[in-house]
C-alpha atoms as a PDB file:
ATOM      1  CA  UNK A   1     120.140 438.807-127.324  1.00  0.00           C
ATOM      2  CA  UNK A   2     119.640 436.024-129.372  1.00  0.00           C
ATOM      3  CA  UNK A   3     117.170 438.035-131.741  1.00  0.00           C
ATOM      4  CA  UNK A   4     119.807 440.865-132.013  1.00  0.00           C
ATOM      5  CA  UNK A   5     122.259 438.255-133.042  1.00  0.00           C
ATOM      6  CA  UNK A   6     120.089 436.960-135.712  1.00  0.00           C
ATOM      7  CA  UNK A   7     119.090 440.282-136.805  1.00  0.00           C
ATOM      8  CA  UNK A   8     123.195 441.221-137.086  1.00  0.00           C
ATOM      9  CA  UNK A   9     123.824 438.220-139.012  1.00  0.00           C
ATOM     10  CA  UNK A  10     121.253 438.761-141.701  1.00  0.00           C
ATOM     11  CA  UNK A  11     122.521 442.311-141.950  1.00  0.00           C
ATOM     12  CA  UNK A  12     125.829 441.282-142.748  1.00  0.00           C
ATOM     13  CA  UNK A  13     124.717 438.768-145.281  1.00  0.00           C
ATOM     14  CA  UNK A  14     122.343 441.215-147.315  1.00  0.00           C
ATOM     15  CA  UNK A  15     125.517 442.531-149.108  1.00  0.00           C
ATOM     16  CA  UNK A  16     125.630 439.086-150.855  1.00  0.00           C
ATOM     17  CA  UNK A  17     121.940 438.777-151.383  1.00  0.00           C
ATOM     18  CA  UNK A  18     121.547 436.106-148.812  1.00  0.00           C
ATOM     19  CA  UNK A  19     119.853 438.525-146.269  1.00  0.00           C
ATOM     20  CA  UNK A  20     117.080 439.622-148.943  1.00  0.00           C
ATOM     21  CA  UNK A  21     116.471 435.749-149.432  1.00  0.00           C
ATOM     22  CA  UNK A  22     116.192 434.946-145.745  1.00  0.00           C
ATOM     23  CA  UNK A  23     113.887 437.874-145.310  1.00  0.00           C
ATOM     24  CA  UNK A  24     111.323 437.295-147.918  1.00  0.00           C
ATOM     25  CA  UNK A  25     111.962 434.123-149.726  1.00  0.00           C
ATOM     26  CA  UNK A  26     111.699 431.941-146.213  1.00  0.00           C
ATOM     27  CA  UNK A  27     108.500 433.669-144.696  1.00  0.00           C
ATOM     28  CA  UNK A  28     106.888 433.304-147.991  1.00  0.00           C
ATOM     29  CA  UNK A  29     107.696 429.680-148.128  1.00  0.00           C
ATOM     30  CA  UNK A  30     106.633 429.149-144.634  1.00  0.00           C
ATOM     31  CA  UNK A  31     103.074 430.264-145.340  1.00  0.00           C
ATOM     32  CA  UNK A  32     102.769 428.040-148.600  1.00  0.00           C
ATOM     33  CA  UNK A  33     100.606 424.850-147.790  1.00  0.00           C
ATOM     34  CA  UNK A  34     101.106 421.627-149.655  1.00  0.00           C
ATOM     35  CA  UNK A  35      98.948 418.223-149.392  1.00  0.00           C
ATOM     36  CA  UNK A  36     100.175 415.181-147.328  1.00  0.00           C
ATOM     37  CA  UNK A  37      99.019 412.190-149.274  1.00  0.00           C
ATOM     38  CA  UNK A  38      98.608 410.154-145.918  1.00  0.00           C
ATOM     39  CA  UNK A  39      98.434 410.893-142.363  1.00  0.00           C
ATOM     40  CA  UNK A  40     101.867 411.474-141.183  1.00  0.00           C
ATOM     41  CA  UNK A  41     103.106 411.007-137.517  1.00  0.00           C
ATOM     42  CA  UNK A  42     106.195 412.529-136.361  1.00  0.00           C
ATOM     43  CA  UNK A  43     107.848 412.325-133.074  1.00  0.00           C
ATOM     44  CA  UNK A  44     109.928 415.236-131.422  1.00  0.00           C
ATOM     45  CA  UNK A  45     111.976 413.452-128.680  1.00  0.00           C
ATOM     46  CA  UNK A  46     113.486 415.606-125.885  1.00  0.00           C
ATOM     47  CA  UNK A  47     116.776 417.006-126.512  1.00  0.00           C
ATOM     48  CA  UNK A  48     116.748 416.113-130.503  1.00  0.00           C
ATOM     49  CA  UNK A  49     118.608 418.620-132.451  1.00  0.00           C
ATOM     50  CA  UNK A  50     116.711 420.841-134.819  1.00  0.00           C
ATOM     51  CA  UNK A  51     118.622 419.416-137.802  1.00  0.00           C
ATOM     52  CA  UNK A  52     117.474 415.967-137.309  1.00  0.00           C
ATOM     53  CA  UNK A  53     113.800 416.997-136.523  1.00  0.00           C
ATOM     54  CA  UNK A  54     113.827 418.914-139.643  1.00  0.00           C
ATOM     55  CA  UNK A  55     114.838 415.757-141.738  1.00  0.00           C
ATOM     56  CA  UNK A  56     112.258 413.714-139.776  1.00  0.00           C
ATOM     57  CA  UNK A  57     109.471 416.058-140.782  1.00  0.00           C
ATOM     58  CA  UNK A  58     110.903 416.042-144.445  1.00  0.00           C
ATOM     59  CA  UNK A  59     111.080 412.172-144.495  1.00  0.00           C
ATOM     60  CA  UNK A  60     107.400 412.159-143.477  1.00  0.00           C
ATOM     61  CA  UNK A  61     106.196 414.151-146.137  1.00  0.00           C
ATOM     62  CA  UNK A  62     105.120 416.980-143.483  1.00  0.00           C
ATOM     63  CA  UNK A  63     107.466 419.531-145.008  1.00  0.00           C
ATOM     64  CA  UNK A  64     109.229 419.633-148.647  1.00  0.00           C
ATOM     65  CA  UNK A  65     112.637 421.010-147.322  1.00  0.00           C
ATOM     66  CA  UNK A  66     114.491 420.141-144.083  1.00  0.00           C
ATOM     67  CA  UNK A  67     117.226 422.845-144.931  1.00  0.00           C
ATOM     68  CA  UNK A  68     114.918 425.476-145.482  1.00  0.00           C
ATOM     69  CA  UNK A  69     112.886 424.776-142.228  1.00  0.00           C
ATOM     70  CA  UNK A  70     116.095 424.842-140.352  1.00  0.00           C
ATOM     71  CA  UNK A  71     117.206 427.958-141.543  1.00  0.00           C
ATOM     72  CA  UNK A  72     113.544 429.771-141.042  1.00  0.00           C
ATOM     73  CA  UNK A  73     113.180 428.347-137.563  1.00  0.00           C
ATOM     74  CA  UNK A  74     116.783 429.534-136.586  1.00  0.00           C
ATOM     75  CA  UNK A  75     116.414 432.948-138.020  1.00  0.00           C
ATOM     76  CA  UNK A  76     112.754 433.703-137.342  1.00  0.00           C
ATOM     77  CA  UNK A  77     111.334 431.343-134.501  1.00  0.00           C
ATOM     78  CA  UNK A  78     112.478 429.761-131.330  1.00  0.00           C
ATOM     79  CA  UNK A  79     113.117 426.192-131.397  1.00  0.00           C
ATOM     80  CA  UNK A  80     113.263 426.195-127.571  1.00  0.00           C
ATOM     81  CA  UNK A  81     109.747 426.784-127.457  1.00  0.00           C
ATOM     82  CA  UNK A  82     109.019 423.296-129.441  1.00  0.00           C
ATOM     83  CA  UNK A  83     107.322 420.731-127.143  1.00  0.00           C
ATOM     84  CA  UNK A  84     108.380 417.089-127.221  1.00  0.00           C
ATOM     85  CA  UNK A  85     105.881 414.537-128.019  1.00  0.00           C
ATOM     86  CA  UNK A  86     104.158 412.590-130.761  1.00  0.00           C
ATOM     87  CA  UNK A  87     102.250 414.966-133.738  1.00  0.00           C
ATOM     88  CA  UNK A  88      99.908 413.809-136.393  1.00  0.00           C
ATOM     89  CA  UNK A  89      99.587 415.937-139.563  1.00  0.00           C
ATOM     90  CA  UNK A  90      97.184 415.312-142.494  1.00  0.00           C
ATOM     91  CA  UNK A  91      95.442 417.293-145.290  1.00  0.00           C
ATOM     92  CA  UNK A  92      96.981 420.536-146.179  1.00  0.00           C
ATOM     93  CA  UNK A  93      99.713 421.773-144.062  1.00  0.00           C
ATOM     94  CA  UNK A  94     102.327 424.946-144.288  1.00  0.00           C
ATOM     95  CA  UNK A  95     105.529 425.272-142.068  1.00  0.00           C
ATOM     96  CA  UNK A  96     103.859 427.883-140.064  1.00  0.00           C
ATOM     97  CA  UNK A  97     100.934 425.424-139.234  1.00  0.00           C
ATOM     98  CA  UNK A  98     103.427 422.759-138.351  1.00  0.00           C
ATOM     99  CA  UNK A  99     105.306 425.104-135.945  1.00  0.00           C
ATOM    100  CA  UNK A 100     101.900 426.067-134.396  1.00  0.00           C
ATOM    101  CA  UNK A 101     100.764 422.475-133.676  1.00  0.00           C
ATOM    102  CA  UNK A 102     104.064 421.703-132.345  1.00  0.00           C
ATOM    103  CA  UNK A 103     104.416 424.758-130.020  1.00  0.00           C
ATOM    104  CA  UNK A 104     100.950 424.569-128.794  1.00  0.00           C
ATOM    105  CA  UNK A 105     101.484 420.762-127.701  1.00  0.00           C
ATOM    106  CA  UNK A 106      98.526 419.424-129.216  1.00  0.00           C
ATOM    107  CA  UNK A 107     100.326 416.084-129.293  1.00  0.00           C
ATOM    108  CA  UNK A 108      98.635 412.749-130.886  1.00  0.00           C
ATOM    109  CA  UNK A 109      98.139 409.870-128.789  1.00  0.00           C
ATOM    110  CA  UNK A 110      96.409 406.732-130.543  1.00  0.00           C
ATOM    111  CA  UNK A 111      93.721 405.153-129.137  1.00  0.00           C
ATOM    112  CA  UNK A 112      94.063 401.611-127.606  1.00  0.00           C
ATOM    113  CA  UNK A 113      89.967 401.400-128.153  1.00  0.00           C
ATOM    114  CA  UNK A 114      87.895 403.252-130.577  1.00  0.00           C
ATOM    115  CA  UNK A 115      84.513 401.866-131.986  1.00  0.00           C
ATOM    116  CA  UNK A 116      81.402 403.028-133.543  1.00  0.00           C
ATOM    117  CA  UNK A 117      77.711 402.616-132.874  1.00  0.00           C
ATOM    118  CA  UNK A 118      75.812 403.453-135.654  1.00  0.00           C
ATOM    119  CA  UNK A 119      71.833 404.583-135.453  1.00  0.00           C
ATOM    120  CA  UNK A 120      69.859 401.885-135.143  1.00  0.00           C
ATOM    121  CA  UNK A 121      72.252 399.304-133.659  1.00  0.00           C
ATOM    122  CA  UNK A 122      70.732 396.784-131.471  1.00  0.00           C
ATOM    123  CA  UNK A 123      72.257 395.839-127.816  1.00  0.00           C
ATOM    124  CA  UNK A 124      72.878 392.595-129.409  1.00  0.00           C
ATOM    125  CA  UNK A 125      75.027 394.245-131.920  1.00  0.00           C
ATOM    126  CA  UNK A 126      76.694 396.584-129.749  1.00  0.00           C
ATOM    127  CA  UNK A 127      77.870 393.349-127.512  1.00  0.00           C
ATOM    128  CA  UNK A 128      79.279 391.557-130.587  1.00  0.00           C
ATOM    129  CA  UNK A 129      81.385 394.686-131.600  1.00  0.00           C
ATOM    130  CA  UNK A 130      82.692 395.259-127.878  1.00  0.00           C
ATOM    131  CA  UNK A 131      83.581 391.185-127.763  1.00  0.00           C
ATOM    132  CA  UNK A 132      85.234 391.827-131.159  1.00  0.00           C
ATOM    133  CA  UNK A 133      87.121 394.701-129.654  1.00  0.00           C
ATOM    134  CA  UNK A 134      88.240 392.616-126.917  1.00  0.00           C
ATOM    135  CA  UNK A 135      86.341 394.546-124.197  1.00  0.00           C
ATOM    136  CA  UNK A 136      85.167 391.634-122.585  1.00  0.00           C
ATOM    137  CA  UNK A 137      83.467 388.264-123.190  1.00  0.00           C
ATOM    138  CA  UNK A 138      80.047 387.836-124.551  1.00  0.00           C
ATOM    139  CA  UNK A 139      78.759 386.605-121.038  1.00  0.00           C
ATOM    140  CA  UNK A 140      80.185 389.336-118.996  1.00  0.00           C
ATOM    141  CA  UNK A 141      79.142 391.873-121.648  1.00  0.00           C
ATOM    142  CA  UNK A 142      75.651 390.842-121.035  1.00  0.00           C
ATOM    143  CA  UNK A 143      75.719 390.987-117.416  1.00  0.00           C
ATOM    144  CA  UNK A 144      76.867 394.467-117.390  1.00  0.00           C
ATOM    145  CA  UNK A 145      74.077 395.284-119.980  1.00  0.00           C
ATOM    146  CA  UNK A 146      71.550 393.849-117.599  1.00  0.00           C
ATOM    147  CA  UNK A 147      73.182 394.901-114.272  1.00  0.00           C
ATOM    148  CA  UNK A 148      70.487 396.087-112.083  1.00  0.00           C
ATOM    149  CA  UNK A 149      72.643 398.596-110.042  1.00  0.00           C
ATOM    150  CA  UNK A 150      73.644 400.103-113.356  1.00  0.00           C
ATOM    151  CA  UNK A 151      69.939 400.230-114.571  1.00  0.00           C
ATOM    152  CA  UNK A 152      69.084 401.890-111.234  1.00  0.00           C
ATOM    153  CA  UNK A 153      72.205 404.270-111.365  1.00  0.00           C
ATOM    154  CA  UNK A 154      70.834 405.813-114.760  1.00  0.00           C
ATOM    155  CA  UNK A 155      66.903 405.656-113.678  1.00  0.00           C
ATOM    156  CA  UNK A 156      66.568 403.035-116.859  1.00  0.00           C
ATOM    157  CA  UNK A 157      63.278 401.053-116.473  1.00  0.00           C
ATOM    158  CA  UNK A 158      63.795 397.857-118.007  1.00  0.00           C
ATOM    159  CA  UNK A 159      65.506 394.607-118.218  1.00  0.00           C
ATOM    160  CA  UNK A 160      68.783 396.028-119.872  1.00  0.00           C
ATOM    161  CA  UNK A 161      69.989 399.160-121.378  1.00  0.00           C
ATOM    162  CA  UNK A 162      68.750 398.777-124.875  1.00  0.00           C
ATOM    163  CA  UNK A 163      67.550 402.060-126.560  1.00  0.00           C
ATOM    164  CA  UNK A 164      69.645 404.167-124.277  1.00  0.00           C
ATOM    165  CA  UNK A 165      73.209 403.496-125.871  1.00  0.00           C
ATOM    166  CA  UNK A 166      74.031 406.807-127.828  1.00  0.00           C
ATOM    167  CA  UNK A 167      75.166 406.233-131.433  1.00  0.00           C
ATOM    168  CA  UNK A 168      78.666 407.892-131.737  1.00  0.00           C
ATOM    169  CA  UNK A 169      82.464 407.110-132.068  1.00  0.00           C
ATOM    170  CA  UNK A 170      83.706 406.269-128.933  1.00  0.00           C
ATOM    171  CA  UNK A 171      87.421 406.740-128.169  1.00  0.00           C
ATOM    172  CA  UNK A 172      89.483 405.593-125.067  1.00  0.00           C
ATOM    173  CA  UNK A 173      93.670 406.316-124.897  1.00  0.00           C
ATOM    174  CA  UNK A 174      93.835 403.220-122.492  1.00  0.00           C
ATOM    175  CA  UNK A 175      91.949 399.935-122.528  1.00  0.00           C
ATOM    176  CA  UNK A 176      89.185 400.361-120.170  1.00  0.00           C
ATOM    177  CA  UNK A 177      87.113 398.023-118.333  1.00  0.00           C
ATOM    178  CA  UNK A 178      83.886 396.797-120.167  1.00  0.00           C
ATOM    179  CA  UNK A 179      81.676 398.471-117.171  1.00  0.00           C
ATOM    180  CA  UNK A 180      83.676 401.749-118.006  1.00  0.00           C
ATOM    181  CA  UNK A 181      82.684 401.422-121.805  1.00  0.00           C
ATOM    182  CA  UNK A 182      78.891 401.024-120.861  1.00  0.00           C
ATOM    183  CA  UNK A 183      79.015 403.926-118.432  1.00  0.00           C
ATOM    184  CA  UNK A 184      80.457 406.199-121.145  1.00  0.00           C
ATOM    185  CA  UNK A 185      77.953 405.395-123.537  1.00  0.00           C
ATOM    186  CA  UNK A 186      75.163 405.807-121.055  1.00  0.00           C
ATOM    187  CA  UNK A 187      76.677 408.905-120.005  1.00  0.00           C
ATOM    188  CA  UNK A 188      76.701 410.214-123.643  1.00  0.00           C
ATOM    189  CA  UNK A 189      72.976 409.303-124.201  1.00  0.00           C
ATOM    190  CA  UNK A 190      72.214 411.389-121.168  1.00  0.00           C
ATOM    191  CA  UNK A 191      74.443 414.355-122.250  1.00  0.00           C
ATOM    192  CA  UNK A 192      72.661 414.691-125.252  1.00  0.00           C
ATOM    193  CA  UNK A 193      69.180 414.401-124.320  1.00  0.00           C
ATOM    194  CA  UNK A 194      67.464 418.051-125.085  1.00  0.00           C
ATOM    195  CA  UNK A 195      66.799 419.986-122.213  1.00  0.00           C
ATOM    196  CA  UNK A 196      63.200 420.141-121.093  1.00  0.00           C
ATOM    197  CA  UNK A 197      62.106 416.981-123.443  1.00  0.00           C
ATOM    198  CA  UNK A 198      60.801 414.956-120.716  1.00  0.00           C
ATOM    199  CA  UNK A 199      58.257 417.757-119.855  1.00  0.00           C
ATOM    200  CA  UNK A 200      57.321 417.928-123.325  1.00  0.00           C
ATOM    201  CA  UNK A 201      56.802 414.279-123.667  1.00  0.00           C
ATOM    202  CA  UNK A 202      54.502 414.217-120.486  1.00  0.00           C
ATOM    203  CA  UNK A 203      52.403 416.457-122.236  1.00  0.00           C
ATOM    204  CA  UNK A 204      51.657 414.131-124.998  1.00  0.00           C
ATOM    205  CA  UNK A 205      51.191 411.108-122.388  1.00  0.00           C
ATOM    206  CA  UNK A 206      54.673 409.513-122.754  1.00  0.00           C
ATOM    207  CA  UNK A 207      57.534 409.028-120.183  1.00  0.00           C
ATOM    208  CA  UNK A 208      60.975 408.910-121.423  1.00  0.00           C
ATOM    209  CA  UNK A 209      61.290 404.998-121.867  1.00  0.00           C
ATOM    210  CA  UNK A 210      58.242 404.778-124.130  1.00  0.00           C
ATOM    211  CA  UNK A 211      59.635 407.852-125.988  1.00  0.00           C
ATOM    212  CA  UNK A 212      62.595 405.800-126.744  1.00  0.00           C
ATOM    213  CA  UNK A 213      60.765 402.914-127.643  1.00  0.00           C
ATOM    214  CA  UNK A 214      58.684 404.996-130.124  1.00  0.00           C
ATOM    215  CA  UNK A 215      61.891 406.765-131.527  1.00  0.00           C
ATOM    216  CA  UNK A 216      63.584 403.573-132.112  1.00  0.00           C
ATOM    217  CA  UNK A 217      60.796 402.182-134.019  1.00  0.00           C
ATOM    218  CA  UNK A 218      61.067 405.902-136.173  1.00  0.00           C
ATOM    219  CA  UNK A 219      65.063 404.969-136.388  1.00  0.00           C
ATOM    220  CA  UNK A 220      64.532 401.471-137.710  1.00  0.00           C
ATOM    221  CA  UNK A 221      61.864 402.400-140.500  1.00  0.00           C
ATOM    222  CA  UNK A 222      63.550 404.989-142.293  1.00  0.00           C
ATOM    223  CA  UNK A 223      66.991 406.131-143.344  1.00  0.00           C
ATOM    224  CA  UNK A 224      66.072 409.669-144.245  1.00  0.00           C
ATOM    225  CA  UNK A 225      65.533 412.298-141.629  1.00  0.00           C
ATOM    226  CA  UNK A 226      63.075 414.176-143.755  1.00  0.00           C
ATOM    227  CA  UNK A 227      60.829 411.144-143.283  1.00  0.00           C
ATOM    228  CA  UNK A 228      61.077 410.415-139.583  1.00  0.00           C
ATOM    229  CA  UNK A 229      57.928 412.976-138.921  1.00  0.00           C
ATOM    230  CA  UNK A 230      55.828 411.323-141.338  1.00  0.00           C
ATOM    231  CA  UNK A 231      56.520 407.835-139.913  1.00  0.00           C
ATOM    232  CA  UNK A 232      55.927 409.254-136.710  1.00  0.00           C
ATOM    233  CA  UNK A 233      52.382 410.499-137.716  1.00  0.00           C
ATOM    234  CA  UNK A 234      51.721 407.051-138.852  1.00  0.00           C
ATOM    235  CA  UNK A 235      52.505 405.634-135.570  1.00  0.00           C
ATOM    236  CA  UNK A 236      50.629 408.094-133.742  1.00  0.00           C
ATOM    237  CA  UNK A 237      47.686 407.713-135.881  1.00  0.00           C
ATOM    238  CA  UNK A 238      47.545 403.778-135.581  1.00  0.00           C
ATOM    239  CA  UNK A 239      48.158 404.042-131.566  1.00  0.00           C
ATOM    240  CA  UNK A 240      45.440 406.461-131.394  1.00  0.00           C
ATOM    241  CA  UNK A 241      43.050 404.096-133.103  1.00  0.00           C
ATOM    242  CA  UNK A 242      43.997 401.324-131.255  1.00  0.00           C
ATOM    243  CA  UNK A 243      45.202 399.505-134.338  1.00  0.00           C
ATOM    244  CA  UNK A 244      48.118 397.184-134.519  1.00  0.00           C
ATOM    245  CA  UNK A 245      51.627 398.984-135.765  1.00  0.00           C
ATOM    246  CA  UNK A 246      52.377 395.971-138.064  1.00  0.00           C
ATOM    247  CA  UNK A 247      56.338 397.047-138.012  1.00  0.00           C
ATOM    248  CA  UNK A 248      58.220 394.343-139.152  1.00  0.00           C
ATOM    249  CA  UNK A 249      61.729 396.017-137.709  1.00  0.00           C
ATOM    250  CA  UNK A 250      60.056 395.351-134.327  1.00  0.00           C
ATOM    251  CA  UNK A 251      58.681 391.593-135.209  1.00  0.00           C
ATOM    252  CA  UNK A 252      62.186 390.781-136.318  1.00  0.00           C
ATOM    253  CA  UNK A 253      63.553 392.107-133.262  1.00  0.00           C
ATOM    254  CA  UNK A 254      61.497 389.570-130.987  1.00  0.00           C
ATOM    255  CA  UNK A 255      62.811 386.871-133.063  1.00  0.00           C
ATOM    256  CA  UNK A 256      65.691 384.603-131.692  1.00  0.00           C
ATOM    257  CA  UNK A 257      68.321 383.938-133.924  1.00  0.00           C
ATOM    258  CA  UNK A 258      66.556 385.765-137.038  1.00  0.00           C
ATOM    259  CA  UNK A 259      68.030 384.370-140.587  1.00  0.00           C
ATOM    260  CA  UNK A 260      66.981 386.889-142.841  1.00  0.00           C
ATOM    261  CA  UNK A 261      63.282 385.790-143.825  1.00  0.00           C
ATOM    262  CA  UNK A 262      60.054 386.523-142.221  1.00  0.00           C
ATOM    263  CA  UNK A 263      58.136 383.423-142.233  1.00  0.00           C
ATOM    264  CA  UNK A 264      54.258 382.636-141.957  1.00  0.00           C
ATOM    265  CA  UNK A 265      55.004 380.941-138.577  1.00  0.00           C
ATOM    266  CA  UNK A 266      56.913 384.401-137.456  1.00  0.00           C
ATOM    267  CA  UNK A 267      53.993 386.419-138.371  1.00  0.00           C
ATOM    268  CA  UNK A 268      51.431 384.280-136.384  1.00  0.00           C
ATOM    269  CA  UNK A 269      53.764 383.844-133.187  1.00  0.00           C
ATOM    270  CA  UNK A 270      51.816 385.366-130.511  1.00  0.00           C
ATOM    271  CA  UNK A 271      54.987 384.581-127.957  1.00  0.00           C
ATOM    272  CA  UNK A 272      56.752 387.311-129.859  1.00  0.00           C
ATOM    273  CA  UNK A 273      55.854 390.249-127.645  1.00  0.00           C
ATOM    274  CA  UNK A 274      57.541 392.510-130.574  1.00  0.00           C
ATOM    275  CA  UNK A 275      55.112 391.175-132.961  1.00  0.00           C
ATOM    276  CA  UNK A 276      53.378 394.436-133.985  1.00  0.00           C
ATOM    277  CA  UNK A 277      50.805 392.637-136.285  1.00  0.00           C
ATOM    278  CA  UNK A 278      49.262 390.625-133.477  1.00  0.00           C
ATOM    279  CA  UNK A 279      49.891 392.944-130.420  1.00  0.00           C
ATOM    280  CA  UNK A 280      48.742 396.262-130.246  1.00  0.00           C
ATOM    281  CA  UNK A 281      50.391 399.200-128.894  1.00  0.00           C
ATOM    282  CA  UNK A 282      54.398 400.013-128.699  1.00  0.00           C
ATOM    283  CA  UNK A 283      56.334 396.932-128.278  1.00  0.00           C
ATOM    284  CA  UNK A 284      57.720 396.224-124.477  1.00  0.00           C
ATOM    285  CA  UNK A 285      61.069 397.601-125.103  1.00  0.00           C
ATOM    286  CA  UNK A 286      63.104 399.537-127.612  1.00  0.00           C
ATOM    287  CA  UNK A 287      64.606 397.784-130.674  1.00  0.00           C
ATOM    288  CA  UNK A 288      67.877 399.692-131.313  1.00  0.00           C
ATOM    289  CA  UNK A 289      69.978 403.081-130.713  1.00  0.00           C
ATOM    290  CA  UNK A 290      68.368 406.091-131.412  1.00  0.00           C
ATOM    291  CA  UNK A 291      69.330 409.565-132.588  1.00  0.00           C
ATOM    292  CA  UNK A 292      68.168 412.723-131.244  1.00  0.00           C
ATOM    293  CA  UNK A 293      66.420 413.433-134.445  1.00  0.00           C
ATOM    294  CA  UNK A 294      64.140 410.285-133.974  1.00  0.00           C
ATOM    295  CA  UNK A 295      63.103 411.233-130.343  1.00  0.00           C
ATOM    296  CA  UNK A 296      62.442 415.095-131.635  1.00  0.00           C
ATOM    297  CA  UNK A 297      60.212 413.174-134.485  1.00  0.00           C
ATOM    298  CA  UNK A 298      58.300 411.561-132.042  1.00  0.00           C
ATOM    299  CA  UNK A 299      57.084 415.195-130.736  1.00  0.00           C
ATOM    300  CA  UNK A 300      56.583 416.533-134.143  1.00  0.00           C
ATOM    301  CA  UNK A 301      54.615 414.329-136.491  1.00  0.00           C
ATOM    302  CA  UNK A 302      53.171 415.707-139.610  1.00  0.00           C
ATOM    303  CA  UNK A 303      49.497 416.273-139.984  1.00  0.00           C
ATOM    304  CA  UNK A 304      48.596 414.971-143.302  1.00  0.00           C
ATOM    305  CA  UNK A 305      46.292 412.339-142.250  1.00  0.00           C
ATOM    306  CA  UNK A 306      48.825 409.489-143.014  1.00  0.00           C
ATOM    307  CA  UNK A 307      48.056 405.797-141.911  1.00  0.00           C
ATOM    308  CA  UNK A 308      50.338 403.642-144.298  1.00  0.00           C
ATOM    309  CA  UNK A 309      53.825 403.681-145.749  1.00  0.00           C
ATOM    310  CA  UNK A 310      55.603 401.378-147.772  1.00  0.00           C
ATOM    311  CA  UNK A 311      59.088 401.570-149.816  1.00  0.00           C
ATOM    312  CA  UNK A 312      58.992 402.992-153.183  1.00  0.00           C
ATOM    313  CA  UNK A 313      59.952 400.716-156.222  1.00  0.00           C
ATOM    314  CA  UNK A 314      62.659 402.969-157.532  1.00  0.00           C
ATOM    315  CA  UNK A 315      65.563 401.584-155.106  1.00  0.00           C
ATOM    316  CA  UNK A 316      66.032 404.961-153.443  1.00  0.00           C
ATOM    317  CA  UNK A 317      65.109 403.436-149.630  1.00  0.00           C
ATOM    318  CA  UNK A 318      62.241 406.527-149.686  1.00  0.00           C
ATOM    319  CA  UNK A 319      58.647 405.472-148.806  1.00  0.00           C
ATOM    320  CA  UNK A 320      55.331 406.148-150.256  1.00  0.00           C
ATOM    321  CA  UNK A 321      53.005 407.667-147.534  1.00  0.00           C
ATOM    322  CA  UNK A 322      49.126 407.276-148.099  1.00  0.00           C
ATOM    323  CA  UNK A 323      45.959 408.086-146.161  1.00  0.00           C
ATOM    324  CA  UNK A 324      43.694 405.115-147.188  1.00  0.00           C
ATOM    325  CA  UNK A 325      44.164 401.452-147.655  1.00  0.00           C
ATOM    326  CA  UNK A 326      43.341 401.535-151.248  1.00  0.00           C
ATOM    327  CA  UNK A 327      46.022 404.127-152.000  1.00  0.00           C
ATOM    328  CA  UNK A 328      48.318 402.157-149.864  1.00  0.00           C
ATOM    329  CA  UNK A 329      47.434 398.864-151.763  1.00  0.00           C
ATOM    330  CA  UNK A 330      48.367 400.615-154.893  1.00  0.00           C
ATOM    331  CA  UNK A 331      51.790 401.627-153.702  1.00  0.00           C
ATOM    332  CA  UNK A 332      52.369 397.668-152.668  1.00  0.00           C
ATOM    333  CA  UNK A 333      51.368 396.766-155.909  1.00  0.00           C
ATOM    334  CA  UNK A 334      53.996 399.187-157.685  1.00  0.00           C
ATOM    335  CA  UNK A 335      56.407 397.570-154.997  1.00  0.00           C
ATOM    336  CA  UNK A 336      55.997 394.034-155.804  1.00  0.00           C
ATOM    337  CA  UNK A 337      55.916 394.334-159.737  1.00  0.00           C
ATOM    338  CA  UNK A 338      59.249 393.639-160.975  1.00  0.00           C
ATOM    339  CA  UNK A 339      60.692 396.571-163.187  1.00  0.00           C
ATOM    340  CA  UNK A 340      60.296 395.833-166.905  1.00  0.00           C
ATOM    341  CA  UNK A 341      63.708 395.104-168.436  1.00  0.00           C
ATOM    342  CA  UNK A 342      64.512 396.026-171.963  1.00  0.00           C
END
């Protein structure tokens, strides 16, 4: 009956030209998008009038005309289907798009806790970030990270959860307890482990923990996905030759209260079990959060005969890879030579 009444009214108004305007201008306007300069959050309380809600949308910059939105909704849509709640609009939107969001009930709930764990982040950095977000005290967070029950639950062989925290953005609508945060990070890690990868690792003599240690070295050594398999080959070749890895990222990880400079004392410290200049093989544990790209690179090393790599002297953060020590030394010389200034 409501639709018939609207149609009847439009027909009556057609003689004055308003019916044509309603039938052609408003539908066209409803499909026209415009950009919102900044994300807008608009609340639709239960029982609020369409007139008031239209004004709220206009004031927030979501629509450009409250009265057009009101007329369009009355004549062509059903306001009773709008679902109360809080909605977020951003980017480019049209009145039709606004209506679809509100009728779908896809409300916006701001998160009480949200944080990012980047690739390569160490457990120490994770704890510092969680403490800064008021998840818990440093003492409590470290206690959870080392909890034997938690390690056993996820079959993590080691002293803590280092390497098993998945790099991602984590969001919680309500402030969680600290252990729930660790649980979510660990669950996300194992959810993202490729199916069948443990069997593939066993085929090359690695269990999951050793592979994660390996992958954490790759993650720390290059910022570029296309170099990961090349770094992997260097590590494999040096492991197979029973040579020291000499990876300074691991050395730094093992230095307590590292201040930003590697000293001669650091290089000669045998007590640092992560000192890959003295100790052969993989370090005793992971040195940071890994991506699945780094884990896959463990299984897909290049076959170019690479034994060494060093940063290029062009500021690109890419590396020169070499097969011989002589070639490597030439690249090292290029790196340490200061560029000529005009």
